[in-house]
Amino acid sequence: MQLILEIKTQLNKVKIVSVTSRILKNKMNYFDVIDAEKILSAYGDSTNIANWAKNDVALAIDINMVIRRTDSLFGENDDMTRGNVAIILKMYYSGVSTHDIARMLKRNKSI
């Protein structure tokens, strides 16, 4: 399957993180974290994360899919390119570990 995505188009971070977490839960047997609020409380802007996304974002943080920013904010409205999203999804479907994904994204400063 060939993905055709315009690399410069921006997508909202919280939505991409949420979709990726839901793929993990639905297709790879991951579960919601026990205390999402506790995990999210490490971020100064955690109250800005939409209620519908909190469990998904907490899972992503818990498995190190989200790289912690130096300003201690999650940045739910930050943009990600379609190219970055395609890399995340391709790696998950290829069975690459979350540690490898986080390392690669940190190198590219994507999230």
N, C-alpha and C. Protein backbone atom coordinates (compact mmCIF):
# COMPACT_ATOMS: atom_id res chain seq x y z
N MET A 1 0.84 -1.19 0.00
CA MET A 1 0.00 0.00 0.00
C MET A 1 0.88 1.24 0.00
N GLN A 2 0.61 2.14 -0.87
CA GLN A 2 1.38 3.36 -0.97
C GLN A 2 0.60 4.51 -0.34
N LEU A 3 1.27 5.21 0.55
CA LEU A 3 0.65 6.38 1.18
C LEU A 3 1.04 7.63 0.42
N ILE A 4 0.05 8.38 -0.01
CA ILE A 4 0.32 9.64 -0.70
C ILE A 4 -0.19 10.75 0.21
N LEU A 5 0.75 11.45 0.82
CA LEU A 5 0.41 12.52 1.75
C LEU A 5 1.23 13.75 1.42
N GLU A 6 0.59 14.89 1.44
CA GLU A 6 1.35 16.12 1.25
C GLU A 6 2.08 16.43 2.54
N ILE A 7 3.38 16.43 2.49
CA ILE A 7 4.22 16.54 3.68
C ILE A 7 3.99 17.84 4.45
N LYS A 8 3.68 18.93 3.80
CA LYS A 8 3.57 20.22 4.47
C LYS A 8 2.24 20.45 5.17
N THR A 9 1.25 19.62 4.94
CA THR A 9 -0.04 19.79 5.60
C THR A 9 0.12 19.47 7.08
N GLN A 10 -0.41 20.33 7.93
CA GLN A 10 -0.27 20.17 9.38
C GLN A 10 -1.50 19.51 10.00
N LEU A 11 -1.26 18.67 10.98
CA LEU A 11 -2.33 18.01 11.72
C LEU A 11 -2.14 18.27 13.21
N ASN A 12 -3.23 18.35 13.93
CA ASN A 12 -3.25 18.62 15.36
C ASN A 12 -2.64 17.46 16.15
N LYS A 13 -1.73 17.77 17.07
CA LYS A 13 -1.00 16.75 17.83
C LYS A 13 -1.92 15.86 18.66
N VAL A 14 -2.86 16.45 19.38
CA VAL A 14 -3.70 15.64 20.26
C VAL A 14 -4.53 14.64 19.46
N LYS A 15 -4.96 15.01 18.28
CA LYS A 15 -5.75 14.08 17.46
C LYS A 15 -4.89 12.93 16.95
N ILE A 16 -3.67 13.23 16.52
CA ILE A 16 -2.78 12.19 16.02
C ILE A 16 -2.38 11.24 17.14
N VAL A 17 -2.05 11.78 18.28
CA VAL A 17 -1.68 10.93 19.43
C VAL A 17 -2.86 10.06 19.83
N SER A 18 -4.05 10.63 19.83
CA SER A 18 -5.24 9.88 20.20
C SER A 18 -5.52 8.74 19.21
N VAL A 19 -5.45 9.04 17.93
CA VAL A 19 -5.69 8.00 16.92
C VAL A 19 -4.68 6.88 17.04
N THR A 20 -3.41 7.23 17.23
CA THR A 20 -2.37 6.22 17.35
C THR A 20 -2.59 5.36 18.59
N SER A 21 -2.96 5.97 19.70
CA SER A 21 -3.25 5.19 20.92
C SER A 21 -4.44 4.26 20.71
N ARG A 22 -5.44 4.74 20.00
CA ARG A 22 -6.62 3.89 19.75
C ARG A 22 -6.27 2.71 18.85
N ILE A 23 -5.37 2.92 17.92
CA ILE A 23 -4.90 1.79 17.10
C ILE A 23 -4.23 0.76 18.00
N LEU A 24 -3.40 1.22 18.92
CA LEU A 24 -2.73 0.29 19.84
C LEU A 24 -3.75 -0.48 20.68
N LYS A 25 -4.77 0.22 21.14
CA LYS A 25 -5.78 -0.45 21.97
C LYS A 25 -6.64 -1.41 21.17
N ASN A 26 -7.03 -1.01 19.98
CA ASN A 26 -7.94 -1.83 19.18
C ASN A 26 -7.27 -2.95 18.43
N LYS A 27 -6.05 -2.75 18.00
CA LYS A 27 -5.39 -3.74 17.14
C LYS A 27 -4.24 -4.48 17.80
N MET A 28 -3.68 -3.90 18.87
CA MET A 28 -2.50 -4.49 19.47
C MET A 28 -2.68 -4.80 20.95
N ASN A 29 -3.92 -4.79 21.42
CA ASN A 29 -4.27 -5.19 22.78
C ASN A 29 -3.64 -4.36 23.90
N TYR A 30 -3.42 -3.08 23.65
CA TYR A 30 -3.02 -2.19 24.72
C TYR A 30 -4.28 -1.78 25.49
N PHE A 31 -4.10 -1.33 26.73
CA PHE A 31 -5.23 -0.93 27.57
C PHE A 31 -5.04 0.50 28.06
N ASP A 32 -6.16 1.13 28.44
CA ASP A 32 -6.07 2.46 29.06
C ASP A 32 -5.26 2.36 30.34
N VAL A 33 -4.59 3.44 30.68
CA VAL A 33 -3.83 3.49 31.92
C VAL A 33 -4.79 3.55 33.10
N ILE A 34 -4.30 3.20 34.27
CA ILE A 34 -5.15 3.17 35.47
C ILE A 34 -5.50 4.58 35.94
N ASP A 35 -4.54 5.49 35.93
CA ASP A 35 -4.79 6.85 36.44
C ASP A 35 -4.31 7.89 35.43
N ALA A 36 -5.15 8.17 34.45
CA ALA A 36 -4.79 9.11 33.38
C ALA A 36 -4.48 10.50 33.94
N GLU A 37 -5.27 10.95 34.90
CA GLU A 37 -5.08 12.30 35.45
C GLU A 37 -3.71 12.44 36.10
N LYS A 38 -3.26 11.40 36.78
CA LYS A 38 -1.94 11.45 37.43
C LYS A 38 -0.84 11.58 36.38
N ILE A 39 -0.93 10.81 35.30
CA ILE A 39 0.07 10.88 34.24
C ILE A 39 0.04 12.25 33.57
N LEU A 40 -1.15 12.75 33.29
CA LEU A 40 -1.29 14.04 32.62
C LEU A 40 -0.86 15.21 33.49
N SER A 41 -0.93 15.05 34.81
CA SER A 41 -0.61 16.15 35.72
C SER A 41 0.85 16.60 35.61
N ALA A 42 1.69 15.82 34.98
CA ALA A 42 3.09 16.21 34.79
C ALA A 42 3.23 17.35 33.78
N TYR A 43 2.16 17.62 33.06
CA TYR A 43 2.17 18.67 32.03
C TYR A 43 1.39 19.88 32.52
N GLY A 44 1.99 21.05 32.41
CA GLY A 44 1.37 22.28 32.88
C GLY A 44 0.09 22.66 32.18
N ASP A 45 -0.10 22.15 30.97
CA ASP A 45 -1.31 22.49 30.22
C ASP A 45 -2.27 21.31 30.09
N SER A 46 -2.17 20.35 31.00
CA SER A 46 -2.99 19.14 30.90
C SER A 46 -4.49 19.42 30.98
N THR A 47 -4.87 20.50 31.63
CA THR A 47 -6.30 20.83 31.72
C THR A 47 -6.85 21.26 30.36
N ASN A 48 -5.99 21.60 29.43
CA ASN A 48 -6.43 21.99 28.09
C ASN A 48 -6.69 20.79 27.18
N ILE A 49 -6.25 19.61 27.59
CA ILE A 49 -6.46 18.41 26.77
C ILE A 49 -7.93 18.02 26.87
N ALA A 50 -8.56 17.86 25.74
CA ALA A 50 -9.99 17.53 25.69
C ALA A 50 -10.28 16.23 26.44
N ASN A 51 -11.41 16.19 27.14
CA ASN A 51 -11.77 15.00 27.91
C ASN A 51 -11.78 13.74 27.06
N TRP A 52 -12.25 13.83 25.82
CA TRP A 52 -12.33 12.65 24.96
C TRP A 52 -10.95 12.08 24.65
N ALA A 53 -9.89 12.89 24.78
CA ALA A 53 -8.55 12.45 24.41
C ALA A 53 -7.67 12.08 25.60
N LYS A 54 -8.12 12.36 26.82
CA LYS A 54 -7.24 12.20 27.98
C LYS A 54 -6.70 10.78 28.16
N ASN A 55 -7.54 9.76 28.07
CA ASN A 55 -7.04 8.39 28.23
C ASN A 55 -6.07 8.02 27.13
N ASP A 56 -6.34 8.46 25.91
CA ASP A 56 -5.46 8.15 24.79
C ASP A 56 -4.11 8.84 24.95
N VAL A 57 -4.12 10.10 25.33
CA VAL A 57 -2.88 10.84 25.52
C VAL A 57 -2.09 10.25 26.68
N ALA A 58 -2.77 9.90 27.76
CA ALA A 58 -2.08 9.30 28.91
C ALA A 58 -1.40 7.99 28.53
N LEU A 59 -2.06 7.17 27.73
CA LEU A 59 -1.44 5.93 27.26
C LEU A 59 -0.19 6.25 26.45
N ALA A 60 -0.29 7.20 25.53
CA ALA A 60 0.86 7.57 24.70
C ALA A 60 2.03 8.06 25.55
N ILE A 61 1.73 8.83 26.58
CA ILE A 61 2.78 9.31 27.49
C ILE A 61 3.37 8.13 28.25
N ASP A 62 2.52 7.26 28.74
CA ASP A 62 2.95 6.12 29.55
C ASP A 62 3.89 5.18 28.79
N ILE A 63 3.68 5.02 27.49
CA ILE A 63 4.53 4.12 26.71
C ILE A 63 5.63 4.87 25.97
N ASN A 64 5.85 6.12 26.36
CA ASN A 64 6.92 6.95 25.81
C ASN A 64 6.77 7.27 24.33
N MET A 65 5.56 7.32 23.85
CA MET A 65 5.33 7.72 22.47
C MET A 65 5.45 9.24 22.34
N VAL A 66 5.20 9.95 23.42
CA VAL A 66 5.27 11.41 23.44
C VAL A 66 6.56 11.82 24.13
N ILE A 67 7.35 12.60 23.42
CA ILE A 67 8.60 13.10 23.98
C ILE A 67 8.29 14.31 24.85
N ARG A 68 8.79 14.29 26.07
CA ARG A 68 8.54 15.39 27.01
C ARG A 68 9.26 16.65 26.55
N ARG A 69 8.53 17.72 26.43
CA ARG A 69 9.11 19.00 26.03
C ARG A 69 9.84 19.64 27.20
N THR A 70 10.80 20.48 26.91
CA THR A 70 11.57 21.14 27.96
C THR A 70 10.75 22.16 28.75
N ASP A 71 9.65 22.64 28.17
CA ASP A 71 8.81 23.61 28.88
C ASP A 71 7.71 22.94 29.71
N SER A 72 7.72 21.61 29.77
CA SER A 72 6.75 20.82 30.55
C SER A 72 5.31 21.00 30.10
N LEU A 73 5.11 21.36 28.85
CA LEU A 73 3.77 21.46 28.29
C LEU A 73 3.56 20.31 27.31
N PHE A 74 2.31 19.87 27.19
CA PHE A 74 2.00 18.84 26.21
C PHE A 74 1.87 19.46 24.82
N GLY A 75 1.26 20.61 24.73
CA GLY A 75 1.10 21.30 23.45
C GLY A 75 0.07 20.61 22.57
N GLU A 76 -1.12 20.42 23.12
CA GLU A 76 -2.17 19.66 22.43
C GLU A 76 -2.54 20.24 21.07
N ASN A 77 -2.35 21.52 20.88
CA ASN A 77 -2.69 22.14 19.60
C ASN A 77 -1.50 22.31 18.66
N ASP A 78 -0.35 21.77 19.06
CA ASP A 78 0.81 21.82 18.17
C ASP A 78 0.52 21.03 16.90
N ASP A 79 1.15 21.43 15.84
CA ASP A 79 0.95 20.75 14.56
C ASP A 79 2.01 19.69 14.32
N MET A 80 1.61 18.66 13.60
CA MET A 80 2.52 17.62 13.13
C MET A 80 2.29 17.51 11.62
N THR A 81 3.34 17.21 10.88
CA THR A 81 3.14 17.06 9.44
C THR A 81 2.56 15.69 9.15
N ARG A 82 1.94 15.55 7.99
CA ARG A 82 1.42 14.25 7.57
C ARG A 82 2.56 13.25 7.44
N GLY A 83 3.72 13.72 7.06
CA GLY A 83 4.88 12.84 6.96
C GLY A 83 5.24 12.22 8.30
N ASN A 84 5.22 13.02 9.38
CA ASN A 84 5.50 12.50 10.71
C ASN A 84 4.44 11.49 11.14
N VAL A 85 3.21 11.79 10.81
CA VAL A 85 2.11 10.87 11.14
C VAL A 85 2.29 9.55 10.39
N ALA A 86 2.62 9.64 9.12
CA ALA A 86 2.82 8.43 8.32
C ALA A 86 3.93 7.57 8.89
N ILE A 87 5.00 8.19 9.35
CA ILE A 87 6.11 7.44 9.95
C ILE A 87 5.64 6.72 11.20
N ILE A 88 4.90 7.40 12.07
CA ILE A 88 4.41 6.77 13.30
C ILE A 88 3.54 5.57 12.97
N LEU A 89 2.58 5.74 12.09
CA LEU A 89 1.67 4.64 11.75
C LEU A 89 2.39 3.48 11.06
N LYS A 90 3.30 3.79 10.16
CA LYS A 90 4.06 2.74 9.47
C LYS A 90 4.87 1.93 10.47
N MET A 91 5.51 2.60 11.40
CA MET A 91 6.34 1.91 12.38
C MET A 91 5.50 1.04 13.30
N TYR A 92 4.34 1.52 13.72
CA TYR A 92 3.49 0.70 14.57
C TYR A 92 3.01 -0.54 13.84
N TYR A 93 2.59 -0.36 12.60
CA TYR A 93 2.12 -1.51 11.84
C TYR A 93 3.24 -2.47 11.48
N SER A 94 4.47 -1.99 11.48
CA SER A 94 5.62 -2.84 11.18
C SER A 94 6.16 -3.53 12.42
N GLY A 95 5.58 -3.22 13.57
CA GLY A 95 5.99 -3.88 14.80
C GLY A 95 7.22 -3.28 15.46
N VAL A 96 7.56 -2.05 15.12
CA VAL A 96 8.69 -1.38 15.75
C VAL A 96 8.28 -0.96 17.15
N SER A 97 9.19 -1.08 18.10
CA SER A 97 8.85 -0.77 19.49
C SER A 97 8.60 0.73 19.68
N THR A 98 7.84 1.06 20.71
CA THR A 98 7.56 2.46 21.01
C THR A 98 8.85 3.19 21.38
N HIS A 99 9.79 2.49 21.98
CA HIS A 99 11.08 3.10 22.32
C HIS A 99 11.79 3.56 21.05
N ASP A 100 11.77 2.72 20.02
CA ASP A 100 12.40 3.09 18.75
C ASP A 100 11.70 4.27 18.09
N ILE A 101 10.37 4.28 18.17
CA ILE A 101 9.61 5.39 17.59
C ILE A 101 9.94 6.68 18.32
N ALA A 102 9.93 6.65 19.64
CA ALA A 102 10.23 7.85 20.43
C ALA A 102 11.63 8.36 20.12
N ARG A 103 12.60 7.46 20.02
CA ARG A 103 13.97 7.86 19.71
C ARG A 103 14.04 8.54 18.34
N MET A 104 13.36 7.97 17.36
CA MET A 104 13.39 8.53 16.02
C MET A 104 12.71 9.90 15.98
N LEU A 105 11.56 10.03 16.64
CA LEU A 105 10.85 11.30 16.65
C LEU A 105 11.63 12.37 17.39
N LYS A 106 12.31 11.98 18.47
CA LYS A 106 13.12 12.94 19.21
C LYS A 106 14.25 13.45 18.31
N ARG A 107 14.83 12.56 17.55
CA ARG A 107 15.90 12.95 16.63
C ARG A 107 15.37 13.95 15.60
N ASN A 108 14.14 13.74 15.14
CA ASN A 108 13.54 14.63 14.15
C ASN A 108 12.81 15.81 14.78
N LYS A 109 12.73 15.84 16.11
CA LYS A 109 12.06 16.91 16.86
C LYS A 109 10.63 17.11 16.38
N SER A 110 9.93 16.00 16.13
CA SER A 110 8.58 16.06 15.59
C SER A 110 7.54 16.35 16.65
N ILE A 111 7.67 15.72 17.81
CA ILE A 111 6.69 15.94 18.87
C ILE A 111 7.39 16.09 20.19
